[in-house]
Protein backbone atom coordinates (compact mmCIF):
# COMPACT_ATOMS: atom_id res chain seq x y z
CA MET A 1 8.86 2.63 15.85
CA ILE A 2 10.21 0.95 12.76
CA CYS A 3 9.54 3.70 10.19
CA SER A 4 8.94 7.45 10.40
CA VAL A 5 8.09 9.53 7.40
CA LYS A 6 7.80 13.32 7.21
CA ILE A 7 7.69 14.73 3.70
CA GLU A 8 7.15 18.42 3.18
CA GLU A 9 7.01 18.33 -0.58
CA ALA A 10 7.95 16.00 -3.45
CA PHE A 11 8.42 16.80 -7.15
CA TYR A 12 8.61 14.96 -10.45
CA GLY A 13 10.56 17.58 -12.41
CA GLU A 14 8.64 20.79 -11.63
CA ARG A 15 5.33 19.07 -10.84
CA LYS A 16 4.44 18.71 -7.17
CA VAL A 17 3.24 15.21 -6.43
CA LEU A 18 3.28 14.98 -2.58
CA GLU A 19 2.70 17.48 0.15
CA ASP A 20 2.51 17.39 3.94
CA ILE A 21 2.92 13.63 4.53
CA ASP A 22 3.53 12.57 8.10
CA PHE A 23 3.14 9.07 9.64
CA LYS A 24 4.80 6.32 11.62
CA VAL A 25 4.72 2.54 11.51
CA ASP A 26 5.36 0.74 14.81
CA GLU A 27 7.37 -2.51 15.00
CA GLY A 28 5.01 -5.32 14.06
CA GLY A 29 2.47 -2.82 12.73
CA ILE A 30 0.51 -2.50 9.46
CA LEU A 31 -0.23 0.67 7.51
CA ALA A 32 -2.53 0.60 4.57
CA ILE A 33 -2.12 3.48 2.05
CA VAL A 34 -5.19 3.71 -0.13
CA GLY A 35 -6.41 5.99 -2.93
CA GLU A 36 -7.18 5.94 -6.65
CA SER A 37 -4.53 5.99 -9.39
CA GLY A 38 -2.52 9.23 -9.30
CA ALA A 39 -3.01 9.76 -5.60
CA GLY A 40 0.74 9.53 -4.96
CA LYS A 41 0.82 6.14 -3.25
CA THR A 42 3.53 4.58 -5.46
CA THR A 43 5.59 7.75 -5.37
CA LEU A 44 5.48 7.66 -1.59
CA GLY A 45 6.51 4.03 -1.69
CA ARG A 46 9.47 4.85 -3.94
CA ILE A 47 10.67 7.46 -1.46
CA ILE A 48 10.39 5.15 1.54
CA SER A 49 12.20 2.27 -0.22
CA GLY A 50 14.91 4.59 -1.68
CA LEU A 51 13.90 3.70 -5.27
CA TYR A 52 13.16 7.37 -5.96
CA ARG A 53 16.84 7.72 -6.91
CA PHE A 54 16.09 5.97 -10.15
CA TYR A 55 13.45 8.52 -11.11
CA PRO A 56 13.38 12.34 -11.76
CA LEU A 57 11.91 12.62 -8.22
CA ARG A 58 13.16 14.78 -5.38
CA TYR A 59 11.68 15.57 -2.00
CA SER A 60 12.23 17.62 1.16
CA GLY A 61 11.72 16.03 4.57
CA THR A 62 13.06 13.02 6.49
CA ILE A 63 12.72 9.25 6.24
CA GLU A 64 13.78 7.34 9.34
CA LEU A 65 14.06 3.60 9.01
CA ASN A 66 15.04 1.32 11.94
CA ALA A 67 14.88 -1.83 9.82
CA THR A 68 15.71 -3.06 6.34
CA VAL A 69 12.93 -2.40 3.88
CA ASP A 70 12.16 -4.40 0.73
CA VAL A 71 9.48 -4.09 -1.84
CA ILE A 72 7.04 -6.84 -2.94
CA PRO A 73 6.59 -5.70 -6.52
CA GLN A 74 3.45 -4.98 -8.48
CA ASN A 75 4.52 -6.70 -11.69
CA ILE A 76 5.14 -10.37 -10.83
CA THR A 77 5.86 -11.34 -14.40
CA ASP A 78 8.79 -9.04 -14.87
CA SER A 79 10.18 -9.44 -11.36
CA LEU A 80 11.61 -12.93 -11.84
CA ASP A 81 14.23 -13.66 -14.46
CA PRO A 82 12.80 -16.24 -16.88
CA ILE A 83 16.16 -17.85 -17.78
CA PHE A 84 17.14 -18.80 -14.20
CA THR A 85 15.53 -21.20 -11.72
CA ILE A 86 13.96 -20.01 -8.52
CA LYS A 87 16.88 -21.57 -6.61
CA GLU A 88 19.49 -19.65 -8.63
CA GLN A 89 17.64 -16.36 -8.08
CA MET A 90 17.15 -16.85 -4.39
CA LEU A 91 20.78 -17.84 -3.79
CA GLU A 92 21.69 -14.41 -5.09
CA ILE A 93 19.94 -13.02 -2.02
CA ASP A 94 20.96 -15.59 0.58
CA SER A 95 23.57 -18.27 0.22
CA ASN A 96 21.99 -20.37 3.04
CA LEU A 97 19.81 -22.95 1.15
CA GLU A 98 18.19 -24.25 4.33
CA ARG A 99 17.10 -20.75 5.24
CA ILE A 100 15.71 -20.30 1.78
CA LYS A 101 13.71 -23.53 2.04
CA ASN A 102 12.38 -22.58 5.49
CA THR A 103 11.32 -19.10 4.21
CA LEU A 104 9.43 -20.69 1.25
CA GLU A 105 7.59 -22.91 3.73
CA ILE A 106 6.86 -19.90 5.89
CA VAL A 107 5.03 -18.24 2.97
CA GLY A 108 2.94 -21.36 2.52
CA LEU A 109 4.55 -23.15 -0.36
CA ASP A 110 4.67 -26.94 -0.52
CA ASN A 111 7.04 -29.12 -2.51
CA VAL A 112 9.83 -26.64 -1.89
CA ASN A 113 12.48 -28.67 -3.62
CA GLU A 114 10.36 -28.88 -6.77
CA ILE A 115 9.70 -25.14 -6.66
CA LEU A 116 13.38 -24.34 -6.31
CA CYS A 117 14.15 -26.32 -9.47
CA SER A 118 11.39 -24.65 -11.42
CA TYR A 119 11.60 -21.69 -13.77
CA PRO A 120 9.10 -18.80 -13.28
CA HIS A 121 6.92 -19.90 -16.20
CA ASN A 122 6.38 -23.20 -14.36
CA LEU A 123 4.59 -21.45 -11.44
CA SER A 124 1.15 -19.91 -11.14
CA GLY A 125 0.72 -16.20 -10.42
CA GLY A 126 -0.04 -16.90 -6.75
CA MET A 127 3.04 -19.13 -6.38
CA LYS A 128 5.25 -16.46 -8.01
CA GLN A 129 3.87 -13.90 -5.62
CA ARG A 130 4.69 -16.09 -2.66
CA VAL A 131 8.23 -16.61 -3.99
CA LEU A 132 8.69 -12.86 -4.27
CA THR A 133 7.36 -12.41 -0.72
CA ALA A 134 9.83 -15.03 0.46
CA MET A 135 12.66 -13.15 -1.36
CA ALA A 136 11.65 -9.98 0.43
CA LEU A 137 11.51 -11.72 3.81
CA LEU A 138 15.09 -13.05 3.33
CA ARG A 139 16.49 -9.51 3.46
CA ALA A 140 13.93 -7.26 5.23
CA HIS A 141 12.02 -6.68 8.40
CA LEU A 142 9.67 -4.13 6.82
CA LEU A 143 7.78 -5.18 3.72
CA LEU A 144 6.41 -2.58 1.30
CA ALA A 145 3.64 -4.22 -0.77
CA ASP A 146 2.89 -1.83 -3.66
CA GLU A 147 -0.36 -2.92 -5.43
CA PHE A 148 1.17 -6.43 -5.31
CA THR A 149 -2.13 -8.17 -5.95
CA SER A 150 -3.09 -6.23 -9.10
CA ALA A 151 -2.14 -9.10 -11.49
CA LEU A 152 -4.00 -11.73 -9.51
CA ASP A 153 -7.64 -12.95 -9.54
CA MET A 154 -9.80 -12.12 -6.55
CA ILE A 155 -9.54 -15.50 -4.81
CA THR A 156 -5.73 -15.51 -5.14
CA LYS A 157 -5.65 -11.88 -3.96
CA LEU A 158 -7.45 -12.82 -0.77
CA LYS A 159 -5.07 -15.78 -0.20
CA VAL A 160 -1.96 -13.63 -0.62
CA VAL A 161 -3.33 -10.89 1.62
CA GLY A 162 -4.11 -13.64 4.10
CA LEU A 163 -0.47 -14.63 3.97
CA LEU A 164 0.64 -11.14 4.81
CA LYS A 165 -1.77 -11.11 7.76
CA LYS A 166 -0.28 -14.40 8.96
CA LEU A 167 3.31 -13.10 8.57
CA ASN A 168 2.41 -10.03 10.58
CA ARG A 169 0.53 -11.97 13.27
CA GLU A 170 2.89 -14.91 13.71
CA LYS A 171 6.27 -13.55 12.68
CA GLY A 172 5.83 -9.87 13.70
CA VAL A 173 6.66 -8.65 10.17
CA SER A 174 5.90 -4.94 9.72
CA ILE A 175 4.00 -4.03 6.54
CA ILE A 176 3.13 -0.99 4.45
CA PHE A 177 0.32 -2.10 2.20
CA ILE A 178 -0.34 0.15 -0.83
CA THR A 179 -3.61 -0.50 -2.62
CA HIS A 180 -6.64 1.05 -4.30
CA ASP A 181 -8.83 -1.97 -3.30
CA MET A 182 -10.61 -1.32 -0.02
CA GLU A 183 -12.16 -4.81 -0.15
CA LEU A 184 -8.77 -6.27 0.76
CA LEU A 185 -8.50 -4.33 4.01
CA ASP A 186 -10.06 -6.78 6.43
CA PHE A 187 -7.17 -6.85 8.96
CA GLU A 188 -6.16 -4.86 12.00
CA GLY A 189 -3.93 -1.84 11.46
CA ASP A 190 -3.97 1.77 10.39
CA MET A 191 -5.19 3.35 7.19
CA MET A 192 -4.05 6.53 5.35
CA VAL A 193 -6.34 7.80 2.55
CA MET A 194 -4.55 9.88 -0.18
CA PHE A 195 -5.83 12.12 -3.02
CA ASP A 196 -3.69 14.31 -5.32
CA GLY A 197 -0.60 13.80 -3.21
CA ASN A 198 -2.29 14.79 0.09
CA VAL A 199 -3.43 12.79 3.07
CA LEU A 200 -7.15 13.26 3.55
CA GLU A 201 -7.81 10.96 6.49
CA LYS A 202 -5.88 8.72 8.90
CA GLY A 203 -6.98 6.27 11.55
CA SER A 204 -7.47 2.62 12.30
CA ILE A 205 -8.76 0.53 9.38
CA GLU A 206 -11.77 -0.59 11.46
CA GLU A 207 -12.84 2.91 12.42
CA VAL A 208 -12.26 4.54 9.06
CA LYS A 209 -14.18 1.86 7.14
CA ALA A 210 -17.02 1.89 9.72
CA SER A 211 -17.41 5.69 9.90
CA PRO A 212 -15.39 7.68 7.35
CA LEU A 213 -15.01 11.35 8.22
CA HIS A 214 -14.05 12.67 4.75
CA PRO A 215 -16.47 12.52 1.77
CA TYR A 216 -13.72 11.09 -0.47
CA THR A 217 -13.11 8.19 1.95
CA HIS A 218 -16.84 7.56 2.00
CA PHE A 219 -16.81 7.52 -1.85
CA LEU A 220 -13.89 5.05 -1.95
CA ILE A 221 -15.55 2.67 0.42
CA ASN A 222 -18.93 2.75 -1.37
CA SER A 223 -17.49 2.48 -4.86
CA THR A 224 -15.29 -0.56 -4.22
CA PRO A 225 -16.70 -3.72 -5.80
CA LYS A 226 -17.45 -6.37 -3.20
CA LEU A 227 -17.60 -10.15 -3.47
CA ASP A 228 -21.32 -10.13 -2.57
CA MET A 229 -22.21 -7.09 -4.66
CA HIS A 230 -25.03 -7.05 -7.24
CA TYR A 231 -23.43 -5.13 -10.16
CA THR A 232 -25.91 -2.43 -10.97
CA ARG A 233 -24.94 1.17 -11.76
CA GLN A 234 -26.94 2.45 -8.82
CA ARG A 235 -24.61 0.57 -6.39
CA PHE A 236 -21.72 2.94 -7.27
CA GLU A 237 -21.72 6.38 -5.70
CA GLU A 238 -20.53 9.42 -7.66
CA ILE A 239 -18.46 12.30 -6.28
CA ASN A 240 -17.97 15.78 -7.71
CA ILE A 241 -14.39 16.99 -7.75
CA ASP A 242 -13.59 20.59 -8.77
CA ARG A 243 -9.91 21.52 -8.53
CA LYS A 244 -10.56 25.22 -9.04
CA PHE A 245 -11.46 25.41 -5.34
CA ALA A 246 -8.97 25.17 -2.48
CA CYS A 247 -10.80 22.01 -1.34
CA PRO A 248 -11.88 20.17 -4.46
CA PHE A 249 -14.70 18.37 -2.60
CA VAL A 250 -16.80 21.51 -2.04
CA GLU A 251 -19.65 20.28 -4.15
CA SER A 252 -19.73 16.84 -2.49
CA CYS A 253 -19.54 17.91 1.13
CA GLU A 254 -22.65 18.90 3.06
CA LYS A 255 -20.55 20.88 5.52
CA ALA A 256 -18.72 22.95 2.94
CA GLY A 257 -18.64 26.75 3.30
CA GLU A 258 -17.04 29.76 1.70
CA ILE A 259 -13.71 29.12 3.46
CA CYS A 260 -13.47 25.74 1.65
CA LYS A 261 -13.43 27.52 -1.76
CA LYS A 262 -10.63 29.88 -0.79
CA GLU A 263 -8.45 28.20 1.79
CA LYS A 264 -6.97 24.73 1.67
CA PRO A 265 -7.85 22.78 4.87
CA GLY A 266 -5.18 21.32 7.07
CA LEU A 267 -5.23 18.01 8.88
CA LYS A 268 -7.34 18.22 12.05
CA GLN A 269 -7.22 15.70 14.86
CA ILE A 270 -10.51 14.26 16.01
CA GLY A 271 -10.00 11.77 18.84
CA GLY A 272 -7.40 9.28 17.58
CA ARG A 273 -8.06 10.14 13.95
CA TRP A 274 -7.05 12.87 11.43
CA VAL A 275 -9.07 14.45 8.64
CA ARG A 276 -8.27 17.23 6.21
CA CYS A 277 -11.27 19.46 6.75
CA HIS A 278 -12.03 22.95 8.06
CA PHE A 279 -15.07 21.63 9.93
């Protein structure tokens, strides 16, 4: 086990943003945390990485890390200093130039010497993302990738995600992959689906995508644009969410009963999976 997270509650000021979060990441494992904007994914990532200290964020619970963690940032443009070369910035992390060159090659960059002499504006978005991944690899064994493909086009996204898969498979790098894009999850690992600061479903990526147990997970899968999708409105499924009920998915769940309106469901284990549902 390389990471164990148990968060009872987390607050921004007086507003509760996370509740009842419990998961582990094994050494060499991958966990994908998915959900729409506002689900609590980035807040959870800040707590895991320790960056929560820079925000009005507090939590109760425990974070156990058996490895150094580093974040591959979402905003690639602001994450590299425009007035220093890539070499100067990487030497601040590791003084071993040969190790730096080797790490850049590991993340799939050619012409390493040329890249090291370049400034950020000389590189494409995909190249800058690989440089940032290399920087993280220089100092961490657990990578936390927080929506790190959001500024990239779809083809570059798939290439960068392919890089993470390769690092995991060949180098044993552990990864927590935070995203709202279900289309990118075509690798082996576990998935945790979040909504309004709660975990709704947990299980292997393959099983959850093939047969979602929660109606919200089903909605996320069906509403994600796909490369081969014909873009008509009918291809996107709608879901009714009403927060006045203890379970906000009452009107979208065929199994819903009176208890769902009055009592918030807990996580229930079904085989090797977990789902937040009374039934």
